[in-house]
Amino acid sequence: MAKLVMLLVLCILPAIAMAARGNIGKNTMVVQGRTYCDLCKFGFETPESSYFIPGATVKLSCRDRKTMEEVYTDEAVSDKQGNYKFIVHDEHKDEMCDVLLVKSAVKGCSKISVGREKSRVILNHYSGIASQIRHANNMGFEKEVSDVFCSALFHKYMVDEDEDDIKSHL
């Protein structure tokens, strides 16, 4: 009886655990990131002036380095916390891959923020990255009209700026 239990522990349980891991194989990579709304058009996230956007559409696009032809594409939608995820099963070692904002699901925060509209990701196992997870930078939309409290926040984050420079930003 003890041998049967030992056989179960050593052979069958590890097999069950590996099967429960899902379909992430040796060559599979997971690209994940977040989308957010910049209420004050700062161009970066702050706890006071941004929130994560659910339902935003993002696109993963890989292009051949020589021809710049798109050779792989996929789309995802962010969840309630603004998180999105792509499962990529192939190597893309000779390609440039970017995650791009497509559209926001939030009315009033649908303008794509310049400079925060895409994030480059490396999708091969020969880059020195040990993990199968690839983190894309957070990407943002901005509100068409800044909120009233943005002026005070701007002063908070620009404490070392010259007063004339602060007024020109507002």
C-alpha atoms as a PDB file:
ATOM      1  CA  MET A   1       0.000   0.000   0.000  1.00  0.00           C
ATOM      2  CA  ALA A   2       2.831   2.397   0.837  1.00  0.00           C
ATOM      3  CA  LYS A   3       4.420   1.719  -2.563  1.00  0.00           C
ATOM      4  CA  LEU A   4       1.168   2.571  -4.322  1.00  0.00           C
ATOM      5  CA  VAL A   5       0.914   5.882  -2.448  1.00  0.00           C
ATOM      6  CA  MET A   6       4.548   6.653  -3.228  1.00  0.00           C
ATOM      7  CA  LEU A   7       3.950   5.862  -6.922  1.00  0.00           C
ATOM      8  CA  LEU A   8       0.961   8.192  -6.925  1.00  0.00           C
ATOM      9  CA  VAL A   9       2.943  11.002  -5.323  1.00  0.00           C
ATOM     10  CA  LEU A  10       6.039  10.651  -7.525  1.00  0.00           C
ATOM     11  CA  CYS A  11       4.469   9.964 -10.906  1.00  0.00           C
ATOM     12  CA  ILE A  12       0.851  10.868 -11.207  1.00  0.00           C
ATOM     13  CA  LEU A  13       0.612  14.105  -9.222  1.00  0.00           C
ATOM     14  CA  PRO A  14       3.397  15.880 -11.156  1.00  0.00           C
ATOM     15  CA  ALA A  15       1.705  14.876 -14.417  1.00  0.00           C
ATOM     16  CA  ILE A  16      -1.602  16.307 -13.199  1.00  0.00           C
ATOM     17  CA  ALA A  17       0.118  19.509 -12.082  1.00  0.00           C
ATOM     18  CA  MET A  18       1.784  19.955 -15.493  1.00  0.00           C
ATOM     19  CA  ALA A  19      -1.505  19.363 -17.302  1.00  0.00           C
ATOM     20  CA  ALA A  20      -3.235  21.931 -15.081  1.00  0.00           C
ATOM     21  CA  ARG A  21      -0.695  24.610 -16.072  1.00  0.00           C
ATOM     22  CA  GLY A  22      -2.609  25.168 -19.278  1.00  0.00           C
ATOM     23  CA  ASN A  23      -1.402  25.351 -22.823  1.00  0.00           C
ATOM     24  CA  ILE A  24       1.707  27.470 -22.236  1.00  0.00           C
ATOM     25  CA  GLY A  25       4.386  25.464 -23.989  1.00  0.00           C
ATOM     26  CA  LYS A  26       8.134  25.876 -24.059  1.00  0.00           C
ATOM     27  CA  ASN A  27       8.037  28.346 -26.986  1.00  0.00           C
ATOM     28  CA  THR A  28       4.916  30.190 -25.837  1.00  0.00           C
ATOM     29  CA  MET A  29       5.157  33.744 -24.495  1.00  0.00           C
ATOM     30  CA  VAL A  30       2.579  35.883 -22.720  1.00  0.00           C
ATOM     31  CA  VAL A  31       2.487  39.612 -23.472  1.00  0.00           C
ATOM     32  CA  GLN A  32       0.671  41.640 -20.847  1.00  0.00           C
ATOM     33  CA  GLY A  33       0.131  45.283 -19.999  1.00  0.00           C
ATOM     34  CA  ARG A  34      -2.435  47.921 -18.997  1.00  0.00           C
ATOM     35  CA  THR A  35      -4.381  50.769 -20.531  1.00  0.00           C
ATOM     36  CA  TYR A  36      -5.165  53.963 -18.649  1.00  0.00           C
ATOM     37  CA  CYS A  37      -6.878  57.345 -18.951  1.00  0.00           C
ATOM     38  CA  ASP A  38      -4.809  60.487 -18.325  1.00  0.00           C
ATOM     39  CA  LEU A  39      -7.286  63.029 -16.950  1.00  0.00           C
ATOM     40  CA  CYS A  40      -4.841  65.950 -16.964  1.00  0.00           C
ATOM     41  CA  LYS A  41      -2.875  65.316 -20.193  1.00  0.00           C
ATOM     42  CA  PHE A  42       0.368  64.938 -18.218  1.00  0.00           C
ATOM     43  CA  GLY A  43       1.694  62.236 -20.529  1.00  0.00           C
ATOM     44  CA  PHE A  44       2.343  59.921 -17.573  1.00  0.00           C
ATOM     45  CA  GLU A  45       0.363  58.169 -14.870  1.00  0.00           C
ATOM     46  CA  THR A  46      -0.228  59.553 -11.397  1.00  0.00           C
ATOM     47  CA  PRO A  47      -2.429  58.149  -8.645  1.00  0.00           C
ATOM     48  CA  GLU A  48      -4.492  61.360  -8.636  1.00  0.00           C
ATOM     49  CA  SER A  49      -4.889  61.999 -12.356  1.00  0.00           C
ATOM     50  CA  SER A  50      -5.284  58.620 -14.043  1.00  0.00           C
ATOM     51  CA  TYR A  51      -7.327  55.445 -13.887  1.00  0.00           C
ATOM     52  CA  PHE A  52      -7.204  52.140 -15.732  1.00  0.00           C
ATOM     53  CA  ILE A  53      -9.559  51.662 -18.686  1.00  0.00           C
ATOM     54  CA  PRO A  54     -11.644  48.514 -19.055  1.00  0.00           C
ATOM     55  CA  GLY A  55     -12.739  47.450 -22.531  1.00  0.00           C
ATOM     56  CA  ALA A  56      -9.917  49.171 -24.427  1.00  0.00           C
ATOM     57  CA  THR A  57      -8.843  47.449 -27.642  1.00  0.00           C
ATOM     58  CA  VAL A  58      -5.119  46.866 -28.180  1.00  0.00           C
ATOM     59  CA  LYS A  59      -3.277  45.248 -31.078  1.00  0.00           C
ATOM     60  CA  LEU A  60      -0.084  43.188 -31.165  1.00  0.00           C
ATOM     61  CA  SER A  61       1.719  43.703 -34.468  1.00  0.00           C
ATOM     62  CA  CYS A  62       4.991  42.110 -35.609  1.00  0.00           C
ATOM     63  CA  ARG A  63       6.773  43.380 -38.724  1.00  0.00           C
ATOM     64  CA  ASP A  64       9.634  41.935 -40.733  1.00  0.00           C
ATOM     65  CA  ARG A  65      12.744  44.044 -40.019  1.00  0.00           C
ATOM     66  CA  LYS A  66      13.759  44.296 -43.680  1.00  0.00           C
ATOM     67  CA  THR A  67      10.475  44.722 -45.550  1.00  0.00           C
ATOM     68  CA  MET A  68       8.437  46.248 -42.682  1.00  0.00           C
ATOM     69  CA  GLU A  69       5.590  43.996 -43.814  1.00  0.00           C
ATOM     70  CA  GLU A  70       3.222  42.965 -41.044  1.00  0.00           C
ATOM     71  CA  VAL A  71       3.673  39.210 -40.553  1.00  0.00           C
ATOM     72  CA  TYR A  72       1.736  38.638 -37.316  1.00  0.00           C
ATOM     73  CA  THR A  73      -1.169  40.428 -35.663  1.00  0.00           C
ATOM     74  CA  ASP A  74      -3.589  39.822 -32.819  1.00  0.00           C
ATOM     75  CA  GLU A  75      -6.090  41.921 -30.862  1.00  0.00           C
ATOM     76  CA  ALA A  76      -7.112  41.898 -27.216  1.00  0.00           C
ATOM     77  CA  VAL A  77      -9.505  43.819 -24.979  1.00  0.00           C
ATOM     78  CA  SER A  78      -8.592  45.017 -21.496  1.00  0.00           C
ATOM     79  CA  ASP A  79     -10.434  43.631 -18.472  1.00  0.00           C
ATOM     80  CA  LYS A  80     -12.081  45.511 -15.560  1.00  0.00           C
ATOM     81  CA  GLN A  81      -8.670  46.566 -14.196  1.00  0.00           C
ATOM     82  CA  GLY A  82      -7.384  47.692 -17.591  1.00  0.00           C
ATOM     83  CA  ASN A  83      -5.188  44.581 -18.023  1.00  0.00           C
ATOM     84  CA  TYR A  84      -4.811  42.875 -21.394  1.00  0.00           C
ATOM     85  CA  LYS A  85      -3.006  39.698 -22.378  1.00  0.00           C
ATOM     86  CA  PHE A  86      -1.792  38.042 -25.580  1.00  0.00           C
ATOM     87  CA  ILE A  87      -0.724  34.396 -25.831  1.00  0.00           C
ATOM     88  CA  VAL A  88       1.953  34.053 -28.543  1.00  0.00           C
ATOM     89  CA  HIS A  89       2.930  30.529 -29.573  1.00  0.00           C
ATOM     90  CA  ASP A  90       5.690  31.292 -32.086  1.00  0.00           C
ATOM     91  CA  GLU A  91       9.138  32.858 -32.029  1.00  0.00           C
ATOM     92  CA  HIS A  92       9.403  36.296 -33.634  1.00  0.00           C
ATOM     93  CA  LYS A  93      13.166  36.721 -33.430  1.00  0.00           C
ATOM     94  CA  ASP A  94      13.690  38.573 -36.720  1.00  0.00           C
ATOM     95  CA  GLU A  95      10.673  40.815 -36.270  1.00  0.00           C
ATOM     96  CA  MET A  96       9.859  44.095 -34.536  1.00  0.00           C
ATOM     97  CA  CYS A  97       6.797  43.602 -32.345  1.00  0.00           C
ATOM     98  CA  ASP A  98       4.721  46.388 -30.834  1.00  0.00           C
ATOM     99  CA  VAL A  99       1.565  46.564 -28.773  1.00  0.00           C
ATOM    100  CA  LEU A 100      -0.558  49.465 -30.054  1.00  0.00           C
ATOM    101  CA  LEU A 101      -3.624  51.248 -28.739  1.00  0.00           C
ATOM    102  CA  VAL A 102      -6.609  50.877 -31.059  1.00  0.00           C
ATOM    103  CA  LYS A 103      -9.601  52.374 -29.269  1.00  0.00           C
ATOM    104  CA  SER A 104     -10.961  53.258 -25.859  1.00  0.00           C
ATOM    105  CA  ALA A 105     -14.285  52.049 -24.515  1.00  0.00           C
ATOM    106  CA  VAL A 106     -14.624  55.138 -22.312  1.00  0.00           C
ATOM    107  CA  LYS A 107     -16.381  58.159 -23.808  1.00  0.00           C
ATOM    108  CA  GLY A 108     -14.565  61.385 -23.027  1.00  0.00           C
ATOM    109  CA  CYS A 109     -11.231  59.583 -22.708  1.00  0.00           C
ATOM    110  CA  SER A 110     -10.659  58.291 -26.210  1.00  0.00           C
ATOM    111  CA  LYS A 111      -7.837  60.433 -27.610  1.00  0.00           C
ATOM    112  CA  ILE A 112      -4.665  58.364 -27.911  1.00  0.00           C
ATOM    113  CA  SER A 113      -1.883  59.974 -25.885  1.00  0.00           C
ATOM    114  CA  VAL A 114       1.088  60.829 -28.115  1.00  0.00           C
ATOM    115  CA  GLY A 115       4.199  59.029 -26.906  1.00  0.00           C
ATOM    116  CA  ARG A 116       2.154  56.502 -24.914  1.00  0.00           C
ATOM    117  CA  GLU A 117       0.389  54.872 -27.860  1.00  0.00           C
ATOM    118  CA  LYS A 118       2.659  51.848 -28.315  1.00  0.00           C
ATOM    119  CA  SER A 119       5.109  49.620 -26.512  1.00  0.00           C
ATOM    120  CA  ARG A 120       7.842  47.484 -28.072  1.00  0.00           C
ATOM    121  CA  VAL A 121       8.077  43.869 -26.880  1.00  0.00           C
ATOM    122  CA  ILE A 122      10.696  41.207 -27.583  1.00  0.00           C
ATOM    123  CA  LEU A 123       9.120  37.937 -28.632  1.00  0.00           C
ATOM    124  CA  ASN A 124      11.924  35.416 -28.772  1.00  0.00           C
ATOM    125  CA  HIS A 125      13.753  33.228 -26.289  1.00  0.00           C
ATOM    126  CA  TYR A 126      17.234  34.347 -27.409  1.00  0.00           C
ATOM    127  CA  SER A 127      17.166  37.787 -25.805  1.00  0.00           C
ATOM    128  CA  GLY A 128      18.385  36.962 -22.307  1.00  0.00           C
ATOM    129  CA  ILE A 129      14.883  37.237 -20.824  1.00  0.00           C
ATOM    130  CA  ALA A 130      14.370  34.104 -18.745  1.00  0.00           C
ATOM    131  CA  SER A 131      10.625  34.466 -18.214  1.00  0.00           C
ATOM    132  CA  GLN A 132       7.951  33.560 -20.745  1.00  0.00           C
ATOM    133  CA  ILE A 133       6.053  36.695 -19.645  1.00  0.00           C
ATOM    134  CA  ARG A 134       6.728  39.893 -21.552  1.00  0.00           C
ATOM    135  CA  HIS A 135       5.591  43.132 -19.929  1.00  0.00           C
ATOM    136  CA  ALA A 136       4.533  45.954 -22.232  1.00  0.00           C
ATOM    137  CA  ASN A 137       4.640  49.515 -20.897  1.00  0.00           C
ATOM    138  CA  ASN A 138       1.286  50.946 -19.836  1.00  0.00           C
ATOM    139  CA  MET A 139      -0.360  52.822 -22.682  1.00  0.00           C
ATOM    140  CA  GLY A 140      -2.678  55.770 -22.339  1.00  0.00           C
ATOM    141  CA  PHE A 141      -5.623  57.654 -23.663  1.00  0.00           C
ATOM    142  CA  GLU A 142      -6.252  61.211 -22.592  1.00  0.00           C
ATOM    143  CA  LYS A 143      -9.354  63.174 -21.785  1.00  0.00           C
ATOM    144  CA  GLU A 144     -10.429  65.775 -24.351  1.00  0.00           C
ATOM    145  CA  VAL A 145     -10.820  68.465 -21.653  1.00  0.00           C
ATOM    146  CA  SER A 146      -8.679  68.512 -18.499  1.00  0.00           C
ATOM    147  CA  ASP A 147     -10.442  68.413 -15.145  1.00  0.00           C
ATOM    148  CA  VAL A 148     -10.501  71.443 -12.837  1.00  0.00           C
ATOM    149  CA  PHE A 149      -8.144  69.875 -10.268  1.00  0.00           C
ATOM    150  CA  CYS A 150      -5.386  69.395 -12.873  1.00  0.00           C
ATOM    151  CA  SER A 151      -3.864  72.849 -12.336  1.00  0.00           C
ATOM    152  CA  ALA A 152      -3.120  72.096  -8.673  1.00  0.00           C
ATOM    153  CA  LEU A 153      -1.718  68.679  -9.581  1.00  0.00           C
ATOM    154  CA  PHE A 154       0.467  70.218 -12.254  1.00  0.00           C
ATOM    155  CA  HIS A 155       2.036  72.476  -9.619  1.00  0.00           C
ATOM    156  CA  LYS A 156       2.562  69.458  -7.379  1.00  0.00           C
ATOM    157  CA  TYR A 157       4.444  67.490 -10.033  1.00  0.00           C
ATOM    158  CA  MET A 158       6.371  70.425 -11.499  1.00  0.00           C
ATOM    159  CA  VAL A 159       7.834  71.848  -8.261  1.00  0.00           C
ATOM    160  CA  ASP A 160      11.269  72.493  -9.774  1.00  0.00           C
ATOM    161  CA  GLU A 161      10.005  74.229 -12.924  1.00  0.00           C
ATOM    162  CA  ASP A 162      10.165  77.948 -13.534  1.00  0.00           C
ATOM    163  CA  GLU A 163       6.831  79.736 -12.880  1.00  0.00           C
ATOM    164  CA  ASP A 164       6.645  80.991 -16.502  1.00  0.00           C
ATOM    165  CA  ASP A 165       7.107  77.431 -17.797  1.00  0.00           C
ATOM    166  CA  ILE A 166       4.257  76.229 -15.577  1.00  0.00           C
ATOM    167  CA  LYS A 167       1.891  78.915 -16.905  1.00  0.00           C
ATOM    168  CA  SER A 168       2.751  78.040 -20.503  1.00  0.00           C
ATOM    169  CA  HIS A 169       1.775  74.388 -19.890  1.00  0.00           C
ATOM    170  CA  LEU A 170      -1.642  75.345 -18.545  1.00  0.00           C
END
